[in-house]
Amino acid sequence: MHEKPASTFSQRALDASSRRVVKHSVVIAGHRTSVSLEDAFWRALKDIAAQEGVSLAALIARVDAGRGEANLSSALRVFVLERALDARETPPSPSPHLSP
């Protein structure tokens, strides 16, 4: 009997609930705005914010500040994609508990 491999990013992205578009209200530079993103992107943004030790609003504000003319929703999707691609290219750090 073969075990099913652990879910990968691409498999999770195909899940119907991940594709559901969810609208969130955020405050950026003192202005309230709505951002619509697929649930998978919201989850990824929350994970990135937690990894960086910042709030989701602060992370979105940072992406907003650097987006230029791009639509905010598109800029957030590209940000998440670039982070995922960077993570694939970066080898994991060795455990500090392992000796060379």
Protein backbone atom coordinates (compact mmCIF):
# COMPACT_ATOMS: atom_id res chain seq x y z
CA MET A 1 0.00 0.00 0.00
CA HIS A 2 1.36 3.41 -0.98
CA GLU A 3 0.95 6.42 1.25
CA LYS A 4 -0.33 9.59 -0.32
CA PRO A 5 2.46 12.23 -0.41
CA ALA A 6 2.10 15.30 1.76
CA SER A 7 0.16 18.15 0.20
CA THR A 8 2.26 20.58 -1.82
CA PHE A 9 1.65 24.25 -2.50
CA SER A 10 0.30 23.49 -5.98
CA GLN A 11 -2.09 20.85 -4.65
CA ARG A 12 -3.39 23.22 -1.97
CA ALA A 13 -3.79 25.97 -4.56
CA LEU A 14 -6.13 23.72 -6.54
CA ASP A 15 -8.44 23.21 -3.57
CA ALA A 16 -11.80 24.89 -4.20
CA SER A 17 -11.80 26.74 -0.87
CA SER A 18 -8.36 28.18 -1.69
CA ARG A 19 -9.73 29.72 -4.89
CA ARG A 20 -12.66 31.41 -3.13
CA VAL A 21 -12.25 35.19 -3.32
CA VAL A 22 -12.45 36.88 0.07
CA LYS A 23 -12.75 40.63 0.59
CA HIS A 24 -11.01 42.20 3.60
CA SER A 25 -11.07 45.80 4.74
CA VAL A 26 -7.66 47.19 5.65
CA VAL A 27 -6.36 50.57 6.77
CA ILE A 28 -3.37 51.83 4.79
CA ALA A 29 -1.81 55.18 5.61
CA GLY A 30 -4.94 56.12 7.55
CA HIS A 31 -7.32 55.25 4.71
CA ARG A 32 -9.73 52.32 4.77
CA THR A 33 -9.80 50.23 1.61
CA SER A 34 -11.03 46.81 0.54
CA VAL A 35 -8.81 44.15 -0.95
CA SER A 36 -10.18 41.06 -2.67
CA LEU A 37 -7.88 38.04 -2.84
CA GLU A 38 -8.26 34.30 -3.05
CA ASP A 39 -8.24 32.64 0.35
CA ALA A 40 -4.91 30.93 -0.42
CA PHE A 41 -3.25 34.35 -0.78
CA TRP A 42 -4.76 35.63 2.49
CA ARG A 43 -3.40 32.56 4.29
CA ALA A 44 0.03 33.05 2.72
CA LEU A 45 0.09 36.74 3.65
CA LYS A 46 -0.84 35.93 7.25
CA ASP A 47 1.95 33.32 7.37
CA ILE A 48 4.50 35.78 5.96
CA ALA A 49 3.42 38.48 8.42
CA ALA A 50 3.79 36.02 11.32
CA GLN A 51 7.24 34.93 10.08
CA GLU A 52 8.34 38.55 9.91
CA GLY A 53 6.78 39.47 13.24
CA VAL A 54 4.57 42.19 11.79
CA SER A 55 0.83 42.65 11.57
CA LEU A 56 -1.00 41.77 8.38
CA ALA A 57 -1.90 45.46 7.99
CA ALA A 58 1.78 46.46 8.25
CA LEU A 59 2.78 43.88 5.64
CA ILE A 60 0.05 45.06 3.27
CA ALA A 61 1.09 48.68 3.81
CA ARG A 62 4.69 47.77 2.92
CA VAL A 63 3.58 46.09 -0.31
CA ASP A 64 1.31 49.06 -1.05
CA ALA A 65 4.18 51.52 -0.61
CA GLY A 66 6.28 49.72 -3.21
CA ARG A 67 3.64 48.80 -5.76
CA GLY A 68 3.86 51.80 -8.06
CA GLU A 69 0.95 51.84 -10.52
CA ALA A 70 -0.03 48.20 -9.94
CA ASN A 71 -3.41 47.28 -8.50
CA LEU A 72 -3.02 46.43 -4.79
CA SER A 73 -4.59 42.98 -5.11
CA SER A 74 -2.26 42.16 -8.00
CA ALA A 75 0.75 43.51 -6.11
CA LEU A 76 -0.09 41.30 -3.12
CA ARG A 77 -0.42 38.21 -5.34
CA VAL A 78 2.94 38.93 -6.98
CA PHE A 79 4.52 39.51 -3.54
CA VAL A 80 3.31 36.11 -2.31
CA LEU A 81 4.43 34.41 -5.53
CA GLU A 82 7.90 35.96 -5.32
CA ARG A 83 8.23 34.86 -1.68
CA ALA A 84 7.23 31.31 -2.63
CA LEU A 85 9.72 31.25 -5.49
CA ASP A 86 12.48 32.65 -3.26
CA ALA A 87 11.75 29.98 -0.66
CA ARG A 88 12.13 27.25 -3.29
CA GLU A 89 15.52 28.63 -4.35
CA THR A 90 16.86 29.13 -0.82
CA PRO A 91 18.22 25.96 0.77
CA PRO A 92 17.05 25.40 4.34
CA SER A 93 19.41 26.57 7.06
CA PRO A 94 21.17 23.80 8.93
CA SER A 95 19.92 23.15 12.42
CA PRO A 96 22.07 24.91 15.03
CA HIS A 97 21.95 21.66 17.01
CA LEU A 98 23.76 19.69 14.32
CA SER A 99 27.52 19.81 14.15
CA PRO A 100 29.22 19.97 10.72
